[in-house]
C-alpha atoms as a PDB file:
ATOM      1  CA  MET A   1       7.155   5.968  16.574  1.00  0.00           C
ATOM      2  CA  TRP A   2       5.439   2.991  18.015  1.00  0.00           C
ATOM      3  CA  ASN A   3       4.339   3.475  22.166  1.00  0.00           C
ATOM      4  CA  ASP A   4       5.539   7.036  21.155  1.00  0.00           C
ATOM      5  CA  PHE A   5       2.227   8.293  22.578  1.00  0.00           C
ATOM      6  CA  ASN A   6       1.094  10.876  25.645  1.00  0.00           C
ATOM      7  CA  THR A   7      -0.847   8.370  27.927  1.00  0.00           C
ATOM      8  CA  GLY A   8      -2.674  11.346  29.199  1.00  0.00           C
ATOM      9  CA  GLU A   9      -3.866  12.606  25.882  1.00  0.00           C
ATOM     10  CA  TYR A  10      -6.984  11.755  24.112  1.00  0.00           C
ATOM     11  CA  SER A  11      -7.413   9.391  21.546  1.00  0.00           C
ATOM     12  CA  GLY A  12     -10.143   7.572  19.679  1.00  0.00           C
ATOM     13  CA  MET A  13     -11.029   6.858  16.227  1.00  0.00           C
ATOM     14  CA  ILE A  14     -13.892   5.898  13.792  1.00  0.00           C
ATOM     15  CA  ALA A  15     -13.622   3.162  11.067  1.00  0.00           C
ATOM     16  CA  GLU A  16     -16.377   1.787   8.720  1.00  0.00           C
ATOM     17  CA  THR A  17     -16.946   0.993   4.930  1.00  0.00           C
ATOM     18  CA  VAL A  18     -18.142   3.162   2.720  1.00  0.00           C
ATOM     19  CA  ARG A  19     -19.370   3.928  -0.682  1.00  0.00           C
ATOM     20  CA  ILE A  20     -17.052   5.849  -3.343  1.00  0.00           C
ATOM     21  CA  THR A  21     -17.001   6.083  -7.345  1.00  0.00           C
ATOM     22  CA  GLY A  22     -14.318   4.414  -8.358  1.00  0.00           C
ATOM     23  CA  HIS A  23     -12.423   3.262 -11.749  1.00  0.00           C
ATOM     24  CA  ASN A  24     -14.648   4.296 -14.693  1.00  0.00           C
ATOM     25  CA  GLY A  25     -17.123   5.681 -12.464  1.00  0.00           C
ATOM     26  CA  ASP A  26     -17.960   2.170 -10.621  1.00  0.00           C
ATOM     27  CA  PRO A  27     -19.577   2.339  -6.727  1.00  0.00           C
ATOM     28  CA  ILE A  28     -17.323   0.460  -5.013  1.00  0.00           C
ATOM     29  CA  THR A  29     -17.226  -0.684  -1.162  1.00  0.00           C
ATOM     30  CA  ALA A  30     -14.432   1.239   0.728  1.00  0.00           C
ATOM     31  CA  TYR A  31     -12.902   0.584   4.328  1.00  0.00           C
ATOM     32  CA  TRP A  32     -11.988   3.828   6.015  1.00  0.00           C
ATOM     33  CA  SER A  33     -10.599   4.375   9.160  1.00  0.00           C
ATOM     34  CA  ARG A  34      -9.929   8.223  10.715  1.00  0.00           C
ATOM     35  CA  PRO A  35      -9.248  10.001  13.906  1.00  0.00           C
ATOM     36  CA  ILE A  36     -11.844  11.675  15.532  1.00  0.00           C
ATOM     37  CA  GLY A  37     -10.592  15.256  16.163  1.00  0.00           C
ATOM     38  CA  ASP A  38     -10.301  18.523  13.338  1.00  0.00           C
ATOM     39  CA  GLY A  39      -7.231  17.329  12.394  1.00  0.00           C
ATOM     40  CA  PRO A  40      -5.577  18.258   9.960  1.00  0.00           C
ATOM     41  CA  PHE A  41      -4.858  14.473   8.851  1.00  0.00           C
ATOM     42  CA  PRO A  42      -2.923  13.642   6.669  1.00  0.00           C
ATOM     43  CA  GLY A  43      -3.944  10.634   4.484  1.00  0.00           C
ATOM     44  CA  ILE A  44      -2.761   6.835   3.531  1.00  0.00           C
ATOM     45  CA  VAL A  45      -4.365   4.364   1.079  1.00  0.00           C
ATOM     46  CA  LEU A  46      -3.877   1.062   2.006  1.00  0.00           C
ATOM     47  CA  ILE A  47      -3.665  -1.244  -1.587  1.00  0.00           C
ATOM     48  CA  PRO A  48      -5.241  -4.286  -0.541  1.00  0.00           C
ATOM     49  CA  HIS A  49      -2.882  -7.513  -0.731  1.00  0.00           C
ATOM     50  CA  MET A  50      -3.202 -10.645  -2.598  1.00  0.00           C
ATOM     51  CA  PRO A  51      -5.021 -12.739   0.337  1.00  0.00           C
ATOM     52  CA  GLY A  52      -7.850 -10.043  -0.151  1.00  0.00           C
ATOM     53  CA  TRP A  53      -9.314  -7.137   1.269  1.00  0.00           C
ATOM     54  CA  ASP A  54      -9.269  -8.906   4.567  1.00  0.00           C
ATOM     55  CA  GLU A  55      -9.198  -8.455   8.135  1.00  0.00           C
ATOM     56  CA  TRP A  56      -5.130  -8.036   8.141  1.00  0.00           C
ATOM     57  CA  CYS A  57      -5.805  -4.696   5.728  1.00  0.00           C
ATOM     58  CA  ARG A  58      -8.697  -3.402   8.346  1.00  0.00           C
ATOM     59  CA  GLU A  59      -6.395  -3.816  11.292  1.00  0.00           C
ATOM     60  CA  THR A  60      -3.721  -2.366   9.471  1.00  0.00           C
ATOM     61  CA  ALA A  61      -5.485   0.787   8.811  1.00  0.00           C
ATOM     62  CA  ARG A  62      -6.516   1.259  11.917  1.00  0.00           C
ATOM     63  CA  ARG A  63      -3.276   0.738  13.297  1.00  0.00           C
ATOM     64  CA  PHE A  64      -1.836   4.118  11.148  1.00  0.00           C
ATOM     65  CA  THR A  65      -5.045   5.629  12.296  1.00  0.00           C
ATOM     66  CA  ALA A  66      -4.156   5.609  16.077  1.00  0.00           C
ATOM     67  CA  HIS A  67      -1.071   7.294  14.370  1.00  0.00           C
ATOM     68  CA  GLY A  68      -3.081  10.186  13.487  1.00  0.00           C
ATOM     69  CA  TYR A  69      -3.853   9.413   9.064  1.00  0.00           C
ATOM     70  CA  SER A  70      -6.795   8.967   7.517  1.00  0.00           C
ATOM     71  CA  VAL A  71      -6.259   5.880   6.009  1.00  0.00           C
ATOM     72  CA  MET A  72      -8.728   4.525   3.018  1.00  0.00           C
ATOM     73  CA  CYS A  73      -8.489   0.859   1.793  1.00  0.00           C
ATOM     74  CA  PRO A  74     -10.534   0.342  -0.913  1.00  0.00           C
ATOM     75  CA  ASN A  75     -11.944  -2.968  -2.753  1.00  0.00           C
ATOM     76  CA  ILE A  76     -10.306  -3.325  -5.297  1.00  0.00           C
ATOM     77  CA  TYR A  77     -11.724  -6.695  -5.900  1.00  0.00           C
ATOM     78  CA  GLU A  78     -15.877  -5.586  -5.521  1.00  0.00           C
ATOM     79  CA  ARG A  79     -16.188  -5.874  -9.800  1.00  0.00           C
ATOM     80  CA  VAL A  80     -15.114  -9.993  -8.991  1.00  0.00           C
ATOM     81  CA  GLY A  81     -18.395 -10.306  -6.375  1.00  0.00           C
ATOM     82  CA  HIS A  82     -18.786 -10.550  -2.646  1.00  0.00           C
ATOM     83  CA  GLY A  83     -17.949 -13.448  -0.341  1.00  0.00           C
ATOM     84  CA  THR A  84     -15.504 -14.345   2.123  1.00  0.00           C
ATOM     85  CA  PRO A  85     -11.990 -12.420   1.497  1.00  0.00           C
ATOM     86  CA  THR A  86     -10.315 -16.313   0.967  1.00  0.00           C
ATOM     87  CA  GLU A  87     -13.176 -16.726  -2.152  1.00  0.00           C
ATOM     88  CA  VAL A  88     -12.965 -13.432  -3.083  1.00  0.00           C
ATOM     89  CA  ALA A  89      -9.590 -13.730  -3.893  1.00  0.00           C
ATOM     90  CA  ALA A  90      -9.468 -17.122  -5.108  1.00  0.00           C
ATOM     91  CA  LYS A  91     -12.011 -16.133  -7.972  1.00  0.00           C
ATOM     92  CA  SER A  92     -10.004 -13.229  -8.412  1.00  0.00           C
ATOM     93  CA  ARG A  93      -7.048 -15.627  -9.647  1.00  0.00           C
ATOM     94  CA  GLU A  94      -9.561 -17.774 -11.575  1.00  0.00           C
ATOM     95  CA  GLN A  95      -9.990 -14.570 -13.696  1.00  0.00           C
ATOM     96  CA  GLY A  96      -6.421 -13.649 -14.084  1.00  0.00           C
ATOM     97  CA  GLY A  97      -6.433 -11.104 -11.131  1.00  0.00           C
ATOM     98  CA  VAL A  98      -6.923  -7.424 -11.201  1.00  0.00           C
ATOM     99  CA  PRO A  99      -6.609  -5.312 -14.034  1.00  0.00           C
ATOM    100  CA  ASP A 100      -3.717  -3.055 -13.282  1.00  0.00           C
ATOM    101  CA  ALA A 101      -5.763  -0.017 -14.751  1.00  0.00           C
ATOM    102  CA  SER A 102      -8.670  -0.727 -12.137  1.00  0.00           C
ATOM    103  CA  VAL A 103      -6.367  -0.573  -8.936  1.00  0.00           C
ATOM    104  CA  MET A 104      -4.645   2.638 -10.133  1.00  0.00           C
ATOM    105  CA  GLY A 105      -8.255   4.311 -10.632  1.00  0.00           C
ATOM    106  CA  ASP A 106      -9.977   2.981  -7.310  1.00  0.00           C
ATOM    107  CA  THR A 107      -6.516   4.333  -5.618  1.00  0.00           C
ATOM    108  CA  ALA A 108      -6.742   7.865  -7.453  1.00  0.00           C
ATOM    109  CA  ALA A 109     -10.176   8.069  -6.569  1.00  0.00           C
ATOM    110  CA  SER A 110      -8.958   7.263  -3.019  1.00  0.00           C
ATOM    111  CA  LEU A 111      -6.575   9.532  -2.760  1.00  0.00           C
ATOM    112  CA  GLY A 112      -9.085  11.921  -4.180  1.00  0.00           C
ATOM    113  CA  PHE A 113     -11.917  11.298  -1.775  1.00  0.00           C
ATOM    114  CA  LEU A 114      -9.226  11.662   1.047  1.00  0.00           C
ATOM    115  CA  LYS A 115      -7.214  14.956  -0.117  1.00  0.00           C
ATOM    116  CA  ASN A 116     -11.370  16.683  -0.252  1.00  0.00           C
ATOM    117  CA  GLN A 117     -11.653  16.139   3.466  1.00  0.00           C
ATOM    118  CA  THR A 118     -12.072  19.235   5.294  1.00  0.00           C
ATOM    119  CA  ASN A 119      -9.900  17.750   7.511  1.00  0.00           C
ATOM    120  CA  SER A 120      -7.227  16.936   5.495  1.00  0.00           C
ATOM    121  CA  ASN A 121      -3.787  18.262   5.965  1.00  0.00           C
ATOM    122  CA  GLY A 122      -3.717  17.971   2.045  1.00  0.00           C
ATOM    123  CA  LYS A 123      -1.103  15.128   1.959  1.00  0.00           C
ATOM    124  CA  ALA A 124      -1.491  11.726   1.352  1.00  0.00           C
ATOM    125  CA  GLY A 125       0.749   8.650   0.814  1.00  0.00           C
ATOM    126  CA  VAL A 126       0.062   5.298  -0.620  1.00  0.00           C
ATOM    127  CA  ILE A 127       1.127   1.612   0.952  1.00  0.00           C
ATOM    128  CA  GLY A 128       0.988  -1.602  -0.041  1.00  0.00           C
ATOM    129  CA  MET A 129       2.025  -5.339   0.273  1.00  0.00           C
ATOM    130  CA  CYS A 130       2.577  -8.139  -2.107  1.00  0.00           C
ATOM    131  CA  SER A 131       0.353  -7.363  -4.937  1.00  0.00           C
ATOM    132  CA  GLY A 132      -0.128  -4.464  -3.209  1.00  0.00           C
ATOM    133  CA  GLY A 133       3.337  -3.189  -3.173  1.00  0.00           C
ATOM    134  CA  ARG A 134       3.473  -4.299  -6.473  1.00  0.00           C
ATOM    135  CA  HIS A 135       0.663  -1.272  -7.437  1.00  0.00           C
ATOM    136  CA  THR A 136       1.564   0.830  -4.891  1.00  0.00           C
ATOM    137  CA  PHE A 137       5.311   1.699  -7.230  1.00  0.00           C
ATOM    138  CA  LEU A 138       2.755   1.608 -10.358  1.00  0.00           C
ATOM    139  CA  ALA A 139       1.142   4.219  -8.403  1.00  0.00           C
ATOM    140  CA  ALA A 140       3.926   6.146  -7.467  1.00  0.00           C
ATOM    141  CA  CYS A 141       5.276   6.182 -11.096  1.00  0.00           C
ATOM    142  CA  THR A 142       1.901   7.035 -13.089  1.00  0.00           C
ATOM    143  CA  LEU A 143      -0.711   9.140 -10.509  1.00  0.00           C
ATOM    144  CA  ASP A 144      -0.662  12.176  -9.179  1.00  0.00           C
ATOM    145  CA  GLY A 145      -1.538  13.976  -6.295  1.00  0.00           C
ATOM    146  CA  ILE A 146       0.694  11.122  -4.098  1.00  0.00           C
ATOM    147  CA  ASP A 147       3.487  12.987  -1.455  1.00  0.00           C
ATOM    148  CA  ALA A 148       5.099   9.091   0.091  1.00  0.00           C
ATOM    149  CA  ALA A 149       4.620   5.552  -1.542  1.00  0.00           C
ATOM    150  CA  VAL A 150       5.706   2.540   0.185  1.00  0.00           C
ATOM    151  CA  ASP A 151       6.519  -0.665  -1.347  1.00  0.00           C
ATOM    152  CA  CYS A 152       6.348  -3.623   1.186  1.00  0.00           C
ATOM    153  CA  TRP A 153       7.549  -6.543  -0.579  1.00  0.00           C
ATOM    154  CA  GLY A 154       5.977  -5.830  -3.877  1.00  0.00           C
ATOM    155  CA  GLY A 155       6.472  -8.942  -6.073  1.00  0.00           C
ATOM    156  CA  GLY A 156       6.876  -8.095 -10.026  1.00  0.00           C
ATOM    157  CA  VAL A 157       8.265  -5.022 -10.441  1.00  0.00           C
ATOM    158  CA  VAL A 158      10.689  -6.311 -12.371  1.00  0.00           C
ATOM    159  CA  CYS A 159       8.821  -8.862 -14.660  1.00  0.00           C
ATOM    160  CA  PRO A 160      10.183 -10.631 -17.878  1.00  0.00           C
ATOM    161  CA  PRO A 161       7.866 -10.223 -20.562  1.00  0.00           C
ATOM    162  CA  GLU A 162       6.675 -13.658 -20.612  1.00  0.00           C
ATOM    163  CA  GLN A 163       5.254 -13.470 -17.021  1.00  0.00           C
ATOM    164  CA  LEU A 164       2.985  -9.828 -18.447  1.00  0.00           C
ATOM    165  CA  SER A 165      -0.487 -10.522 -19.220  1.00  0.00           C
ATOM    166  CA  PRO A 166      -4.010  -8.963 -20.359  1.00  0.00           C
ATOM    167  CA  ALA A 167      -4.279  -7.375 -16.490  1.00  0.00           C
ATOM    168  CA  ARG A 168      -0.811  -6.587 -15.624  1.00  0.00           C
ATOM    169  CA  PRO A 169       0.277  -5.313 -19.481  1.00  0.00           C
ATOM    170  CA  VAL A 170       3.750  -3.317 -18.119  1.00  0.00           C
ATOM    171  CA  ALA A 171       6.012  -4.080 -15.980  1.00  0.00           C
ATOM    172  CA  PRO A 172       5.656  -1.278 -13.327  1.00  0.00           C
ATOM    173  CA  ILE A 173       9.759  -0.918 -13.668  1.00  0.00           C
ATOM    174  CA  ASP A 174       9.258   0.226 -16.888  1.00  0.00           C
ATOM    175  CA  TYR A 175       7.457   3.545 -15.259  1.00  0.00           C
ATOM    176  CA  ALA A 176      10.173   3.889 -12.877  1.00  0.00           C
ATOM    177  CA  GLU A 177      10.807   7.681 -14.739  1.00  0.00           C
ATOM    178  CA  GLY A 178       7.621   9.215 -13.974  1.00  0.00           C
ATOM    179  CA  LEU A 179       8.098   8.672 -10.306  1.00  0.00           C
ATOM    180  CA  SER A 180       7.340  12.092  -8.519  1.00  0.00           C
ATOM    181  CA  CYS A 181       7.864  10.938  -4.978  1.00  0.00           C
ATOM    182  CA  PRO A 182       9.523   9.984  -2.325  1.00  0.00           C
ATOM    183  CA  LEU A 183      10.116   5.795  -2.162  1.00  0.00           C
ATOM    184  CA  LEU A 184      10.528   3.611   0.948  1.00  0.00           C
ATOM    185  CA  GLY A 185      10.628  -0.224   0.433  1.00  0.00           C
ATOM    186  CA  ILE A 186      10.377  -2.750   2.763  1.00  0.00           C
ATOM    187  CA  PHE A 187      12.348  -6.704   2.037  1.00  0.00           C
ATOM    188  CA  GLY A 188      12.614  -9.812   3.314  1.00  0.00           C
ATOM    189  CA  ASN A 189      16.273 -11.272   1.814  1.00  0.00           C
ATOM    190  CA  ASP A 190      14.895 -14.706   1.894  1.00  0.00           C
ATOM    191  CA  ASP A 191      12.194 -13.766  -0.252  1.00  0.00           C
ATOM    192  CA  HIS A 192      11.273 -15.350  -3.796  1.00  0.00           C
ATOM    193  CA  SER A 193       8.942 -12.839  -5.067  1.00  0.00           C
ATOM    194  CA  PRO A 194      10.899 -10.361  -4.969  1.00  0.00           C
ATOM    195  CA  THR A 195      13.963 -12.176  -5.308  1.00  0.00           C
ATOM    196  CA  PRO A 196      17.159 -10.005  -3.637  1.00  0.00           C
ATOM    197  CA  GLU A 197      17.989 -10.182  -7.248  1.00  0.00           C
ATOM    198  CA  ASP A 198      14.511  -8.174  -8.228  1.00  0.00           C
ATOM    199  CA  VAL A 199      15.083  -5.545  -5.882  1.00  0.00           C
ATOM    200  CA  ASP A 200      18.777  -4.910  -6.761  1.00  0.00           C
ATOM    201  CA  LYS A 201      17.401  -4.506 -10.930  1.00  0.00           C
ATOM    202  CA  THR A 202      14.979  -2.454  -9.155  1.00  0.00           C
ATOM    203  CA  GLU A 203      17.182   0.430  -6.687  1.00  0.00           C
ATOM    204  CA  GLU A 204      19.927   0.137  -9.689  1.00  0.00           C
ATOM    205  CA  VAL A 205      17.048   1.908 -12.408  1.00  0.00           C
ATOM    206  CA  LEU A 206      16.136   4.214  -9.462  1.00  0.00           C
ATOM    207  CA  LYS A 207      19.671   5.170  -8.496  1.00  0.00           C
ATOM    208  CA  LYS A 208      20.326   5.654 -12.257  1.00  0.00           C
ATOM    209  CA  LEU A 209      17.440   8.280 -12.921  1.00  0.00           C
ATOM    210  CA  GLY A 210      18.028   9.824  -9.368  1.00  0.00           C
ATOM    211  CA  LYS A 211      14.917   9.367  -7.645  1.00  0.00           C
ATOM    212  CA  ASP A 212      14.045   9.651  -3.914  1.00  0.00           C
ATOM    213  CA  TYR A 213      13.581   5.948  -2.632  1.00  0.00           C
ATOM    214  CA  GLU A 214      15.498   4.246   0.237  1.00  0.00           C
ATOM    215  CA  PHE A 215      15.251  -0.053   0.460  1.00  0.00           C
ATOM    216  CA  HIS A 216      15.476  -1.644   4.224  1.00  0.00           C
ATOM    217  CA  ARG A 217      16.458  -4.891   3.496  1.00  0.00           C
ATOM    218  CA  TYR A 218      16.199  -7.844   6.437  1.00  0.00           C
ATOM    219  CA  ASP A 219      18.042 -11.147   6.564  1.00  0.00           C
ATOM    220  CA  GLY A 220      16.198 -14.152   8.032  1.00  0.00           C
ATOM    221  CA  ALA A 221      13.243 -12.824   6.481  1.00  0.00           C
ATOM    222  CA  GLY A 222      11.215 -13.518   3.686  1.00  0.00           C
ATOM    223  CA  HIS A 223       7.826 -12.925   2.079  1.00  0.00           C
ATOM    224  CA  GLY A 224       5.014 -11.234   4.412  1.00  0.00           C
ATOM    225  CA  ILE A 225       6.969  -9.927   7.831  1.00  0.00           C
ATOM    226  CA  TRP A 226       4.060  -8.011   9.109  1.00  0.00           C
ATOM    227  CA  TYR A 227       1.457 -11.043   8.702  1.00  0.00           C
ATOM    228  CA  TYR A 228       1.408 -11.697  12.585  1.00  0.00           C
ATOM    229  CA  ASP A 229      -1.788 -13.827  11.596  1.00  0.00           C
ATOM    230  CA  LYS A 230       0.712 -16.483   9.415  1.00  0.00           C
ATOM    231  CA  PRO A 231       4.164 -17.992  10.322  1.00  0.00           C
ATOM    232  CA  MET A 232       5.867 -16.010   7.620  1.00  0.00           C
ATOM    233  CA  TYR A 233       5.514 -13.021  10.768  1.00  0.00           C
ATOM    234  CA  ARG A 234       9.524 -11.725  12.116  1.00  0.00           C
ATOM    235  CA  GLN A 235       8.869  -9.946  15.088  1.00  0.00           C
ATOM    236  CA  GLU A 236      12.003  -8.079  15.484  1.00  0.00           C
ATOM    237  CA  GLN A 237      12.451  -6.911  11.909  1.00  0.00           C
ATOM    238  CA  ALA A 238       8.442  -6.289  11.353  1.00  0.00           C
ATOM    239  CA  MET A 239       8.694  -4.034  14.361  1.00  0.00           C
ATOM    240  CA  ASP A 240      11.956  -2.183  12.793  1.00  0.00           C
ATOM    241  CA  SER A 241      10.128  -1.723   9.723  1.00  0.00           C
ATOM    242  CA  TRP A 242       7.258  -0.486  10.881  1.00  0.00           C
ATOM    243  CA  ASN A 243       8.615   2.124  12.603  1.00  0.00           C
ATOM    244  CA  LYS A 244      10.811   2.881   9.518  1.00  0.00           C
ATOM    245  CA  THR A 245       7.615   3.307   7.646  1.00  0.00           C
ATOM    246  CA  LEU A 246       5.851   5.504  10.686  1.00  0.00           C
ATOM    247  CA  ASP A 247       8.605   7.672  10.451  1.00  0.00           C
ATOM    248  CA  PHE A 248       9.226   7.553   6.554  1.00  0.00           C
ATOM    249  CA  PHE A 249       5.241   9.018   6.353  1.00  0.00           C
ATOM    250  CA  ASP A 250       5.826  11.173   9.830  1.00  0.00           C
ATOM    251  CA  LYS A 251       8.336  12.863   7.643  1.00  0.00           C
ATOM    252  CA  HIS A 252       6.621  13.196   4.451  1.00  0.00           C
ATOM    253  CA  LEU A 253       3.541  13.267   5.245  1.00  0.00           C
ATOM    254  CA  LYS A 254       2.534  15.595   8.670  1.00  0.00           C
END
């Protein structure tokens, strides 16, 4: 939980960019933050959101590391080229977005990297916000080796056929039967992507399939309620859902 630490305990971390082998054997860059010490430490793969592989993602990785997690945030936009996060994200949108297959490959590679560390406890989760939330849902339904997943306001999990594309050929909800780990969902009731109706549809499918999930929905909140660098930030709802996320990961990964 937030602020639940002993002030007399040692605390330290290492955070750096590293090169890993991603989807299709492509070398990609990833931001890796982890506690200093023998561990063992659980892992978290943080899938970047559509604003890009940005400073907020790096700060969020370190925030989870401060709570005892080895965190890898792969640059899923690497194949688009380099520049500022905003420039790269814009270029990715111009090209139709990052293909789901590529993101799943980079996520699987990051999971393997974390679990293969000598100080890993053998467990790893996945989390993502916005488009990363959608990718998290997809990963939890299609990849092996995920022990817990957190979808933060992932739009497009429920997607009508006319909104599918070559990069996103299948709606993630169509893979829901393959969900093989506990899933936590964080949503704002004023959001437009996903809408409350989209969340209802997702929950209906998961309930029908008997999946292990819990959704938390917040009044007075829309999209991106954790983004403290943007007007959409909602302090009360953000901290409540942060604590729920930390508790969820602690329960399933530690």
